[in-house]
Amino acid sequence: MLKVTIMVIPLVDLISEDIAINNRIKVNHTTIMHVWMIAMQAFIYLSIIEYSLAIAWAHFVTDKANHQRTIPEENTFLRGYYFGNRNFYSKIGNFFDRFLYFCFGEIDFKREPYVRNKIDYLSRVLFLATFISFVSIYVLTLIL
């Protein structure tokens, strides 16, 4: 809950700052500033969505592990209970596992499932890369 509070307070502050800036400026050419404020609000919204997905993923992994513990070993066709063993989801999962191993090395996801899960680790890379890309493009458009 603390993480959500820490994310919502800057969002509310950013929205109120955006409204205050719009009321102070009497010029119609504020497009660049609007793009920046909209992008920052989008990043904060996406971080809240990422947080909820990370919690849901932790519950999903725990539920899947509990389900697989209750299945007898003879029923191998039930191993792919949620998404299957050899389909698209499995290939995407293997790709992300290799990507995370490349970025972070060996990760023990089972130690703290709410803090150490694939969604959190992927967002550490993807949010940073997306934000740096956005800022670079934004600065280049300001300069040129």
C-alpha atoms as a PDB file:
ATOM      1  CA  MET A   1       0.000   0.000   0.000  1.00  0.00           C
ATOM      2  CA  LEU A   2       2.904   2.338   0.690  1.00  0.00           C
ATOM      3  CA  LYS A   3       4.175   1.937  -2.872  1.00  0.00           C
ATOM      4  CA  VAL A   4       0.783   2.968  -4.275  1.00  0.00           C
ATOM      5  CA  THR A   5       0.703   5.995  -1.977  1.00  0.00           C
ATOM      6  CA  ILE A   6       4.191   6.976  -3.049  1.00  0.00           C
ATOM      7  CA  MET A   7       3.107   6.769  -6.702  1.00  0.00           C
ATOM      8  CA  VAL A   8      -0.283   8.472  -6.375  1.00  0.00           C
ATOM      9  CA  ILE A   9       0.992  11.555  -4.527  1.00  0.00           C
ATOM     10  CA  PRO A  10       3.357  12.598  -7.371  1.00  0.00           C
ATOM     11  CA  LEU A  11       0.583  11.926  -9.874  1.00  0.00           C
ATOM     12  CA  VAL A  12      -1.828  14.240  -8.072  1.00  0.00           C
ATOM     13  CA  ASP A  13       0.928  16.823  -7.679  1.00  0.00           C
ATOM     14  CA  LEU A  14       1.805  16.593 -11.365  1.00  0.00           C
ATOM     15  CA  ILE A  15      -1.821  16.987 -12.435  1.00  0.00           C
ATOM     16  CA  SER A  16      -2.333  20.011 -10.175  1.00  0.00           C
ATOM     17  CA  GLU A  17       0.925  21.531 -11.459  1.00  0.00           C
ATOM     18  CA  ASP A  18      -0.242  20.971 -15.029  1.00  0.00           C
ATOM     19  CA  ILE A  19      -3.522  22.759 -14.307  1.00  0.00           C
ATOM     20  CA  ALA A  20      -1.717  25.639 -12.585  1.00  0.00           C
ATOM     21  CA  ILE A  21       0.720  26.067 -15.476  1.00  0.00           C
ATOM     22  CA  ASN A  22      -2.105  26.051 -18.003  1.00  0.00           C
ATOM     23  CA  ASN A  23      -3.915  28.771 -16.057  1.00  0.00           C
ATOM     24  CA  ARG A  24      -0.810  30.991 -15.829  1.00  0.00           C
ATOM     25  CA  ILE A  25       0.328  30.821 -19.451  1.00  0.00           C
ATOM     26  CA  LYS A  26      -1.609  33.025 -21.857  1.00  0.00           C
ATOM     27  CA  VAL A  27      -0.037  31.582 -25.014  1.00  0.00           C
ATOM     28  CA  ASN A  28      -1.502  28.880 -27.225  1.00  0.00           C
ATOM     29  CA  HIS A  29       1.905  27.459 -28.186  1.00  0.00           C
ATOM     30  CA  THR A  30       2.452  25.222 -25.196  1.00  0.00           C
ATOM     31  CA  THR A  31       2.380  21.933 -27.076  1.00  0.00           C
ATOM     32  CA  ILE A  32       5.849  20.802 -26.008  1.00  0.00           C
ATOM     33  CA  MET A  33       5.018  21.363 -22.353  1.00  0.00           C
ATOM     34  CA  HIS A  34       1.724  19.479 -22.747  1.00  0.00           C
ATOM     35  CA  VAL A  35       3.533  16.553 -24.346  1.00  0.00           C
ATOM     36  CA  TRP A  36       5.967  16.446 -21.415  1.00  0.00           C
ATOM     37  CA  MET A  37       3.215  16.582 -18.777  1.00  0.00           C
ATOM     38  CA  ILE A  38       1.115  13.945 -20.541  1.00  0.00           C
ATOM     39  CA  ALA A  39       4.134  11.658 -20.853  1.00  0.00           C
ATOM     40  CA  MET A  40       5.027  12.032 -17.170  1.00  0.00           C
ATOM     41  CA  GLN A  41       1.445  11.278 -16.161  1.00  0.00           C
ATOM     42  CA  ALA A  42       1.500   8.233 -18.449  1.00  0.00           C
ATOM     43  CA  PHE A  43       4.706   6.956 -16.823  1.00  0.00           C
ATOM     44  CA  ILE A  44       3.155   7.298 -13.371  1.00  0.00           C
ATOM     45  CA  TYR A  45      -0.054   5.541 -14.483  1.00  0.00           C
ATOM     46  CA  LEU A  46       2.017   2.755 -16.024  1.00  0.00           C
ATOM     47  CA  SER A  47       4.015   2.341 -12.814  1.00  0.00           C
ATOM     48  CA  ILE A  48       0.766   1.888 -10.875  1.00  0.00           C
ATOM     49  CA  ILE A  49      -0.389  -0.696 -13.425  1.00  0.00           C
ATOM     50  CA  GLU A  50       2.999  -2.422 -13.191  1.00  0.00           C
ATOM     51  CA  TYR A  51       2.657  -2.616  -9.423  1.00  0.00           C
ATOM     52  CA  SER A  52      -0.759  -4.264  -9.663  1.00  0.00           C
ATOM     53  CA  LEU A  53       0.514  -6.689 -12.322  1.00  0.00           C
ATOM     54  CA  ALA A  54       3.481  -7.619 -10.134  1.00  0.00           C
ATOM     55  CA  ILE A  55       1.190  -8.437  -7.203  1.00  0.00           C
ATOM     56  CA  ALA A  56      -1.145 -10.402  -9.495  1.00  0.00           C
ATOM     57  CA  TRP A  57       1.848 -12.271 -10.944  1.00  0.00           C
ATOM     58  CA  ALA A  58       3.019 -13.244  -7.459  1.00  0.00           C
ATOM     59  CA  HIS A  59      -0.437 -14.677  -6.706  1.00  0.00           C
ATOM     60  CA  PHE A  60      -0.506 -16.405 -10.093  1.00  0.00           C
ATOM     61  CA  VAL A  61       2.848 -18.117  -9.519  1.00  0.00           C
ATOM     62  CA  THR A  62       1.863 -19.184  -5.998  1.00  0.00           C
ATOM     63  CA  ASP A  63      -1.472 -20.549  -7.232  1.00  0.00           C
ATOM     64  CA  LYS A  64       0.205 -22.426 -10.069  1.00  0.00           C
ATOM     65  CA  ALA A  65       2.798 -23.942  -7.711  1.00  0.00           C
ATOM     66  CA  ASN A  66       0.090 -25.014  -5.258  1.00  0.00           C
ATOM     67  CA  HIS A  67      -1.934 -26.551  -8.079  1.00  0.00           C
ATOM     68  CA  GLN A  68       1.046 -28.502  -9.419  1.00  0.00           C
ATOM     69  CA  ARG A  69       1.783 -29.874  -5.940  1.00  0.00           C
ATOM     70  CA  THR A  70      -1.695 -31.397  -5.767  1.00  0.00           C
ATOM     71  CA  ILE A  71      -1.425 -33.181  -9.137  1.00  0.00           C
ATOM     72  CA  PRO A  72      -0.130 -36.755  -9.098  1.00  0.00           C
ATOM     73  CA  GLU A  73       3.013 -37.318 -11.154  1.00  0.00           C
ATOM     74  CA  GLU A  74       1.288 -39.698 -13.620  1.00  0.00           C
ATOM     75  CA  ASN A  75      -0.893 -36.951 -15.105  1.00  0.00           C
ATOM     76  CA  THR A  76       1.742 -35.268 -17.250  1.00  0.00           C
ATOM     77  CA  PHE A  77      -0.885 -33.819 -19.601  1.00  0.00           C
ATOM     78  CA  LEU A  78      -2.001 -31.492 -16.790  1.00  0.00           C
ATOM     79  CA  ARG A  79       1.442 -29.935 -16.330  1.00  0.00           C
ATOM     80  CA  GLY A  80       0.505 -27.062 -18.627  1.00  0.00           C
ATOM     81  CA  TYR A  81      -2.536 -26.199 -16.509  1.00  0.00           C
ATOM     82  CA  TYR A  82      -2.533 -22.460 -17.141  1.00  0.00           C
ATOM     83  CA  PHE A  83      -0.853 -21.813 -20.463  1.00  0.00           C
ATOM     84  CA  GLY A  84       0.596 -25.079 -21.671  1.00  0.00           C
ATOM     85  CA  ASN A  85       4.055 -26.513 -22.027  1.00  0.00           C
ATOM     86  CA  ARG A  86       5.056 -25.986 -25.655  1.00  0.00           C
ATOM     87  CA  ASN A  87       2.981 -23.146 -27.008  1.00  0.00           C
ATOM     88  CA  PHE A  88       3.457 -19.417 -27.546  1.00  0.00           C
ATOM     89  CA  TYR A  89       3.273 -18.504 -23.845  1.00  0.00           C
ATOM     90  CA  SER A  90       5.988 -20.986 -22.986  1.00  0.00           C
ATOM     91  CA  LYS A  91       8.275 -19.591 -25.702  1.00  0.00           C
ATOM     92  CA  ILE A  92       7.678 -16.019 -24.542  1.00  0.00           C
ATOM     93  CA  GLY A  93       8.364 -17.089 -20.959  1.00  0.00           C
ATOM     94  CA  ASN A  94      11.630 -18.743 -21.991  1.00  0.00           C
ATOM     95  CA  PHE A  95      12.631 -15.607 -23.919  1.00  0.00           C
ATOM     96  CA  PHE A  96      11.998 -13.390 -20.889  1.00  0.00           C
ATOM     97  CA  ASP A  97      13.862 -15.826 -18.636  1.00  0.00           C
ATOM     98  CA  ARG A  98      16.915 -15.606 -20.906  1.00  0.00           C
ATOM     99  CA  PHE A  99      16.576 -11.822 -21.130  1.00  0.00           C
ATOM    100  CA  LEU A 100      16.448 -11.473 -17.336  1.00  0.00           C
ATOM    101  CA  TYR A 101      19.395 -13.838 -16.952  1.00  0.00           C
ATOM    102  CA  PHE A 102      21.339 -11.685 -19.433  1.00  0.00           C
ATOM    103  CA  CYS A 103      20.482  -8.461 -17.552  1.00  0.00           C
ATOM    104  CA  PHE A 104      20.599  -9.565 -13.905  1.00  0.00           C
ATOM    105  CA  GLY A 105      22.236 -12.987 -13.771  1.00  0.00           C
ATOM    106  CA  GLU A 106      20.807 -15.738 -11.607  1.00  0.00           C
ATOM    107  CA  ILE A 107      17.656 -14.605  -9.776  1.00  0.00           C
ATOM    108  CA  ASP A 108      15.894 -16.525  -7.016  1.00  0.00           C
ATOM    109  CA  PHE A 109      12.257 -15.700  -7.777  1.00  0.00           C
ATOM    110  CA  LYS A 110      10.898 -17.955  -5.037  1.00  0.00           C
ATOM    111  CA  ARG A 111      12.649 -16.199  -2.146  1.00  0.00           C
ATOM    112  CA  GLU A 112      10.374 -13.148  -1.966  1.00  0.00           C
ATOM    113  CA  PRO A 113       7.596 -13.504  -4.562  1.00  0.00           C
ATOM    114  CA  TYR A 114       6.113 -10.038  -3.960  1.00  0.00           C
ATOM    115  CA  VAL A 115       9.436  -8.258  -4.431  1.00  0.00           C
ATOM    116  CA  ARG A 116      11.344 -10.605  -6.720  1.00  0.00           C
ATOM    117  CA  ASN A 117       9.197 -11.556  -9.665  1.00  0.00           C
ATOM    118  CA  LYS A 118       9.520 -11.361 -13.418  1.00  0.00           C
ATOM    119  CA  ILE A 119       7.226  -8.359 -13.819  1.00  0.00           C
ATOM    120  CA  ASP A 120       9.328  -6.256 -11.423  1.00  0.00           C
ATOM    121  CA  TYR A 121      12.593  -7.226 -13.057  1.00  0.00           C
ATOM    122  CA  LEU A 122      11.266  -6.643 -16.582  1.00  0.00           C
ATOM    123  CA  SER A 123       9.867  -3.261 -15.605  1.00  0.00           C
ATOM    124  CA  ARG A 124      13.250  -2.248 -14.188  1.00  0.00           C
ATOM    125  CA  VAL A 125      14.713  -2.630 -17.664  1.00  0.00           C
ATOM    126  CA  LEU A 126      11.748  -1.609 -19.825  1.00  0.00           C
ATOM    127  CA  PHE A 127      10.733   1.485 -17.855  1.00  0.00           C
ATOM    128  CA  LEU A 128      14.296   2.766 -17.799  1.00  0.00           C
ATOM    129  CA  ALA A 129      14.819   2.138 -21.521  1.00  0.00           C
ATOM    130  CA  THR A 130      11.470   3.703 -22.411  1.00  0.00           C
ATOM    131  CA  PHE A 131      12.053   6.757 -20.239  1.00  0.00           C
ATOM    132  CA  ILE A 132      15.565   7.344 -21.557  1.00  0.00           C
ATOM    133  CA  SER A 133      14.300   6.949 -25.130  1.00  0.00           C
ATOM    134  CA  PHE A 134      11.461   9.392 -24.527  1.00  0.00           C
ATOM    135  CA  VAL A 135      13.719  11.996 -22.916  1.00  0.00           C
ATOM    136  CA  SER A 136      16.254  11.655 -25.741  1.00  0.00           C
ATOM    137  CA  ILE A 137      13.603  12.133 -28.425  1.00  0.00           C
ATOM    138  CA  TYR A 138      12.063  14.999 -26.470  1.00  0.00           C
ATOM    139  CA  VAL A 139      15.383  16.816 -26.103  1.00  0.00           C
ATOM    140  CA  LEU A 140      16.210  16.276 -29.772  1.00  0.00           C
ATOM    141  CA  THR A 141      12.885  17.791 -30.822  1.00  0.00           C
ATOM    142  CA  LEU A 142      13.540  20.781 -28.581  1.00  0.00           C
ATOM    143  CA  ILE A 143      17.005  21.327 -30.021  1.00  0.00           C
ATOM    144  CA  LEU A 144      16.054  20.828 -33.652  1.00  0.00           C
END
